[in-house]
Amino acid sequence: MSTPSAPGTAAKVAGFAVAVAAVFGVAVLLGRFVGPIDDPATDPMAGHGAERMDDTAEMGADAHAVPGGLQVSQDGYTLDLAHGTVRAGAARPVAFTITGPDGEPLTAYDVQHEKRLHLIAVRRDLTGFQHVHPVLTDGVWRTDLALTAGDWRLIADFAPAGAEPLALGADLAVAGDYRPAERRPESRTATVGDYRVTLHGDLAAGEDALLTLTVTEDGRPVTDLQPYLGAYGHLVALREGDLAYLHVHPDGEPGDGSTDPGPDVVFHAEVPSAGRYHLYLDFRHRGVVRTAAFTVAAR
């Protein structure tokens, strides 16, 4: 019974072979036309992730960019702490370098908001916020910080000379009697001594938000704020959970007629995601810089 079926089987096998050859031939032609995947000869962007990301950002895909402060190294620049662990204290010395693409400490910076580098220090439970400006000596930045026991995040905000601004972050472990703080509730009003600051405006993921902070002293509007870092206030935003650092831009500059010295200080802010954000406003009045803290949710 097997003899009569042999010719039919052979025909089927032959037909299958012809079909496979045809498909293989088409694949070869397509391969020659398209080129191999990630072949530098046919894809000039293959192997250049940074360039690809930059092009994507220019095409409007900024939502996929990594927020500042989350990376210790970016674009060839690295934040290198001299010591990753210190003891708690009211004035603990902290030193670090910014290493450039050539492996050497970076010494040339562009000025941003009147300073070459801004250092943000915040404990991971969002207590002990500090905004300071270290001193650069022989490629090493140095400053003193008031550090309580716990895990801290240090964020260096700077612009290498002639390059785009960067915000690099590194963890600092502070030894001592650690007592974690409770999660802060949402708040739109902050009291700093005799001053009361109220936040108006809402954050929305991926949208430009107009935030207005109104400053009063003993219930009276403050109309003689003094410039601080090129504005009548400096606002820092940190995302709860990972402490992503967000750039917030003031609306207008002192002296150009576009803004008044209080009681309202206006900022533009855009957050990348929904969630809770912690805002810190530094403002100067009567020669003293004060900080007001807020916690708000972005829809």
Protein backbone atom coordinates (compact mmCIF):
# COMPACT_ATOMS: atom_id res chain seq x y z
CA MET A 1 0.00 0.00 0.00
CA SER A 2 2.98 2.25 0.40
CA THR A 3 4.00 2.02 -3.25
CA PRO A 4 1.06 3.97 -4.77
CA SER A 5 1.49 6.88 -2.30
CA ALA A 6 5.20 7.42 -2.94
CA PRO A 7 4.84 9.63 -6.04
CA GLY A 8 2.33 11.88 -4.28
CA THR A 9 4.62 12.27 -1.30
CA ALA A 10 7.58 13.13 -3.50
CA ALA A 11 5.54 15.76 -5.29
CA LYS A 12 4.52 17.35 -2.03
CA VAL A 13 8.10 17.47 -0.79
CA ALA A 14 9.25 19.00 -4.04
CA GLY A 15 6.53 21.62 -3.88
CA PHE A 16 7.45 22.49 -0.29
CA ALA A 17 11.08 22.90 -1.25
CA VAL A 18 10.16 25.27 -4.05
CA ALA A 19 8.06 27.36 -1.64
CA VAL A 20 10.87 27.55 0.90
CA ALA A 21 13.31 28.61 -1.78
CA ALA A 22 10.95 31.33 -2.93
CA VAL A 23 10.51 32.69 0.62
CA PHE A 24 14.27 32.56 1.21
CA GLY A 25 14.87 34.44 -2.01
CA VAL A 26 12.45 37.19 -1.02
CA ALA A 27 14.11 37.43 2.41
CA VAL A 28 17.52 37.80 0.81
CA LEU A 29 16.26 40.55 -1.46
CA LEU A 30 14.63 42.36 1.48
CA GLY A 31 17.80 41.97 3.51
CA ARG A 32 19.85 43.56 0.76
CA PHE A 33 17.35 46.38 0.44
CA VAL A 34 16.83 47.15 4.12
CA GLY A 35 20.26 46.21 5.45
CA PRO A 36 21.04 44.37 8.67
CA ILE A 37 19.55 45.65 11.92
CA ASP A 38 21.88 47.96 13.90
CA ASP A 39 24.50 47.78 11.15
CA PRO A 40 26.54 51.01 11.46
CA ALA A 41 27.02 51.00 7.70
CA THR A 42 23.31 51.27 7.03
CA ASP A 43 22.06 52.87 10.27
CA PRO A 44 24.23 55.87 11.21
CA MET A 45 22.50 56.09 14.60
CA ALA A 46 23.23 52.50 15.63
CA GLY A 47 25.45 52.38 18.71
CA HIS A 48 24.92 56.08 19.48
CA GLY A 49 22.21 56.01 22.10
CA ALA A 50 22.90 59.54 23.37
CA GLU A 51 22.63 61.02 19.88
CA ARG A 52 19.44 59.08 19.23
CA MET A 53 17.96 60.34 22.49
CA ASP A 54 18.90 63.92 21.66
CA ASP A 55 17.22 63.64 18.26
CA THR A 56 14.13 62.18 19.89
CA ALA A 57 14.00 65.06 22.34
CA GLU A 58 14.26 67.54 19.48
CA MET A 59 11.29 65.83 17.82
CA GLY A 60 9.16 66.58 20.86
CA ALA A 61 9.47 63.36 22.86
CA ASP A 62 10.71 65.12 26.00
CA ALA A 63 8.32 63.05 28.09
CA HIS A 64 10.71 60.12 27.70
CA ALA A 65 13.76 62.06 28.92
CA VAL A 66 15.13 61.18 32.34
CA PRO A 67 14.45 63.95 34.90
CA GLY A 68 17.44 65.61 36.51
CA GLY A 69 19.12 64.34 39.64
CA LEU A 70 18.43 60.64 39.08
CA GLN A 71 21.77 59.80 37.45
CA VAL A 72 25.27 60.07 38.85
CA SER A 73 26.71 60.27 35.33
CA GLN A 74 25.39 61.73 32.08
CA ASP A 75 26.86 62.88 28.77
CA GLY A 76 30.36 62.01 29.98
CA TYR A 77 30.10 64.03 33.20
CA THR A 78 30.12 62.35 36.63
CA LEU A 79 29.40 63.55 40.15
CA ASP A 80 32.08 62.05 42.41
CA LEU A 81 31.71 62.51 46.18
CA ALA A 82 34.96 62.56 48.14
CA HIS A 83 33.27 60.50 50.88
CA GLY A 84 30.05 58.51 50.61
CA THR A 85 29.57 58.42 54.39
CA VAL A 86 29.82 61.17 57.01
CA ARG A 87 28.69 61.63 60.59
CA ALA A 88 25.73 63.79 61.51
CA GLY A 89 26.47 67.35 62.54
CA ALA A 90 25.47 70.97 62.22
CA ALA A 91 28.32 71.89 59.85
CA ARG A 92 29.73 68.81 58.18
CA PRO A 93 32.27 69.40 55.40
CA VAL A 94 31.31 67.86 52.06
CA ALA A 95 33.58 67.75 48.99
CA PHE A 96 33.03 66.50 45.45
CA THR A 97 34.25 66.85 41.90
CA ILE A 98 32.50 66.97 38.56
CA THR A 99 34.55 64.79 36.22
CA GLY A 100 34.41 65.67 32.52
CA PRO A 101 34.49 63.46 29.42
CA ASP A 102 38.30 63.64 29.49
CA GLY A 103 38.38 62.05 32.95
CA GLU A 104 39.68 65.25 34.56
CA PRO A 105 37.90 67.46 37.12
CA LEU A 106 35.77 70.07 35.37
CA THR A 107 36.85 73.64 36.11
CA ALA A 108 35.05 75.71 33.44
CA TYR A 109 31.37 76.41 34.08
CA ASP A 110 28.73 78.75 32.69
CA VAL A 111 26.91 80.92 35.23
CA GLN A 112 23.28 80.00 35.89
CA HIS A 113 21.12 82.07 38.22
CA GLU A 114 24.21 84.02 39.26
CA LYS A 115 26.16 80.90 40.33
CA ARG A 116 28.42 78.35 38.62
CA LEU A 117 26.92 75.46 40.58
CA HIS A 118 23.87 74.95 42.78
CA LEU A 119 23.89 72.08 45.29
CA ILE A 120 20.59 70.71 46.60
CA ALA A 121 20.79 68.51 49.69
CA VAL A 122 17.68 66.72 50.97
CA ARG A 123 17.14 63.73 53.19
CA ARG A 124 15.25 60.95 51.43
CA ASP A 125 12.27 61.36 53.76
CA LEU A 126 12.15 64.96 52.49
CA THR A 127 13.40 66.66 55.63
CA GLY A 128 16.41 68.91 56.03
CA PHE A 129 16.26 70.59 52.61
CA GLN A 130 19.24 72.85 51.83
CA HIS A 131 20.20 74.88 48.76
CA VAL A 132 23.83 75.99 48.94
CA HIS A 133 26.60 77.19 46.66
CA PRO A 134 29.92 75.42 47.21
CA VAL A 135 33.32 76.99 46.53
CA LEU A 136 35.52 75.58 43.74
CA THR A 137 39.23 75.14 44.48
CA ASP A 138 41.59 73.21 42.19
CA GLY A 139 38.69 71.33 40.61
CA VAL A 140 37.11 70.33 43.95
CA TRP A 141 33.83 71.78 45.22
CA ARG A 142 33.58 72.23 49.01
CA THR A 143 30.82 73.33 51.36
CA ASP A 144 29.39 72.69 54.84
CA LEU A 145 25.98 71.07 55.32
CA ALA A 146 23.73 70.64 58.34
CA LEU A 147 23.20 66.87 58.25
CA THR A 148 20.96 64.75 60.45
CA ALA A 149 21.31 60.96 60.46
CA GLY A 150 19.77 59.17 57.49
CA ASP A 151 20.10 58.75 53.74
CA TRP A 152 20.60 62.00 51.85
CA ARG A 153 20.50 62.88 48.17
CA LEU A 154 22.91 65.50 46.84
CA ILE A 155 22.03 67.06 43.49
CA ALA A 156 24.53 69.23 41.62
CA ASP A 157 22.90 71.62 39.12
CA PHE A 158 25.46 73.13 36.71
CA ALA A 159 26.31 73.87 33.09
CA PRO A 160 29.74 72.94 31.68
CA ALA A 161 31.16 75.86 29.71
CA GLY A 162 29.54 75.88 26.28
CA ALA A 163 27.42 72.78 26.98
CA GLU A 164 23.85 72.02 28.05
CA PRO A 165 22.94 72.24 31.76
CA LEU A 166 22.99 69.05 33.81
CA ALA A 167 21.69 67.91 37.18
CA LEU A 168 23.57 64.93 38.62
CA GLY A 169 22.72 63.17 41.87
CA ALA A 170 24.53 60.94 44.37
CA ASP A 171 23.60 59.40 47.71
CA LEU A 172 25.28 60.37 50.95
CA ALA A 173 24.90 58.16 54.04
CA VAL A 174 24.89 60.12 57.30
CA ALA A 175 25.67 58.05 60.39
CA GLY A 176 23.94 58.68 63.71
CA ASP A 177 20.66 58.17 65.54
CA TYR A 178 18.24 57.90 62.61
CA ARG A 179 14.58 58.65 63.19
CA PRO A 180 12.58 58.61 59.94
CA ALA A 181 9.94 61.28 59.54
CA GLU A 182 6.30 60.63 58.79
CA ARG A 183 5.06 61.23 55.27
CA ARG A 184 4.25 64.89 54.90
CA PRO A 185 0.61 65.74 54.17
CA GLU A 186 -0.33 67.90 51.22
CA SER A 187 0.01 71.58 52.04
CA ARG A 188 -0.35 74.82 50.10
CA THR A 189 0.50 77.20 52.93
CA ALA A 190 3.83 77.51 54.73
CA THR A 191 4.73 79.53 57.82
CA VAL A 192 8.33 80.73 58.20
CA GLY A 193 8.69 82.85 61.33
CA ASP A 194 6.45 85.90 60.85
CA TYR A 195 6.00 85.11 57.15
CA ARG A 196 3.19 83.18 55.53
CA VAL A 197 3.49 81.94 51.94
CA THR A 198 0.52 80.59 49.99
CA LEU A 199 0.76 78.55 46.80
CA HIS A 200 -1.80 79.02 44.01
CA GLY A 201 -1.98 76.92 40.85
CA ASP A 202 -2.13 73.23 39.99
CA LEU A 203 0.42 70.80 38.58
CA ALA A 204 -0.52 68.51 35.70
CA ALA A 205 1.70 65.87 34.13
CA GLY A 206 3.20 67.02 30.84
CA GLU A 207 1.62 70.47 30.98
CA ASP A 208 3.06 73.91 31.71
CA ALA A 209 1.67 75.12 35.03
CA LEU A 210 1.63 78.69 36.28
CA LEU A 211 2.37 78.74 40.00
CA THR A 212 1.93 81.88 42.08
CA LEU A 213 3.37 82.15 45.57
CA THR A 214 2.07 85.00 47.71
CA VAL A 215 4.22 86.27 50.58
CA THR A 216 2.83 88.10 53.61
CA GLU A 217 4.40 89.23 56.88
CA ASP A 218 2.19 89.48 59.97
CA GLY A 219 -0.78 89.38 57.62
CA ARG A 220 0.44 92.25 55.41
CA PRO A 221 1.51 91.74 51.77
CA VAL A 222 5.28 91.93 51.28
CA THR A 223 5.93 94.32 48.39
CA ASP A 224 9.68 94.85 48.81
CA LEU A 225 11.18 91.40 48.21
CA GLN A 226 14.85 91.48 47.31
CA PRO A 227 16.31 89.69 44.28
CA TYR A 228 17.75 86.27 44.99
CA LEU A 229 19.64 84.32 42.29
CA GLY A 230 18.37 86.65 39.60
CA ALA A 231 14.70 86.58 40.62
CA TYR A 232 12.39 87.52 43.48
CA GLY A 233 12.39 83.88 44.48
CA HIS A 234 13.97 80.55 43.58
CA LEU A 235 11.76 77.44 43.43
CA VAL A 236 12.95 73.81 43.56
CA ALA A 237 10.64 70.86 42.86
CA LEU A 238 11.37 67.26 43.89
CA ARG A 239 9.22 64.26 43.00
CA GLU A 240 8.26 62.12 45.97
CA GLY A 241 9.61 58.59 45.76
CA ASP A 242 12.74 59.05 43.64
CA LEU A 243 13.58 62.73 44.31
CA ALA A 244 13.65 63.62 40.62
CA TYR A 245 14.85 67.23 40.37
CA LEU A 246 12.78 69.53 38.19
CA HIS A 247 13.72 72.88 36.74
CA VAL A 248 11.28 75.65 37.55
CA HIS A 249 11.58 78.98 35.78
CA PRO A 250 10.60 82.37 37.23
CA ASP A 251 8.27 84.60 35.28
CA GLY A 252 10.23 87.77 34.54
CA GLU A 253 13.39 89.24 36.03
CA PRO A 254 13.87 92.03 38.58
CA GLY A 255 14.43 95.40 36.95
CA ASP A 256 13.01 94.57 33.51
CA GLY A 257 9.54 95.87 34.33
CA SER A 258 7.89 92.48 33.86
CA THR A 259 7.52 91.58 37.53
CA ASP A 260 6.96 93.27 40.88
CA PRO A 261 8.90 92.70 44.12
CA GLY A 262 5.96 90.93 45.73
CA PRO A 263 3.69 89.97 47.18
CA ASP A 264 3.30 87.51 44.27
CA VAL A 265 6.19 85.50 42.85
CA VAL A 266 5.26 83.60 39.66
CA PHE A 267 6.90 80.48 38.20
CA HIS A 268 6.43 78.15 35.26
CA ALA A 269 6.69 74.44 36.07
CA GLU A 270 6.18 71.25 34.10
CA VAL A 271 6.21 67.87 35.85
CA PRO A 272 6.74 64.61 33.93
CA SER A 273 4.22 62.42 35.75
CA ALA A 274 1.29 62.34 38.11
CA GLY A 275 2.12 62.00 41.80
CA ARG A 276 3.20 64.08 44.77
CA TYR A 277 5.79 66.82 44.49
CA HIS A 278 7.60 68.80 47.16
CA LEU A 279 8.27 72.46 46.40
CA TYR A 280 10.77 74.68 48.18
CA LEU A 281 10.69 78.46 47.72
CA ASP A 282 13.75 80.50 48.68
CA PHE A 283 12.96 84.21 49.02
CA ARG A 284 14.93 87.15 50.40
CA HIS A 285 13.53 89.93 52.56
CA ARG A 286 15.48 92.41 54.68
CA GLY A 287 18.71 90.69 53.70
CA VAL A 288 17.70 87.23 54.98
CA VAL A 289 16.94 84.22 52.76
CA ARG A 290 14.08 82.06 54.01
CA THR A 291 12.67 78.78 52.72
CA ALA A 292 8.98 77.85 52.50
CA ALA A 293 8.05 74.22 51.81
CA PHE A 294 4.91 72.80 50.15
CA THR A 295 3.57 69.38 49.17
CA VAL A 296 1.15 69.13 46.25
CA ALA A 297 -0.23 66.43 43.96
CA ALA A 298 -0.10 66.54 40.17
CA ARG A 299 -3.03 65.04 38.35
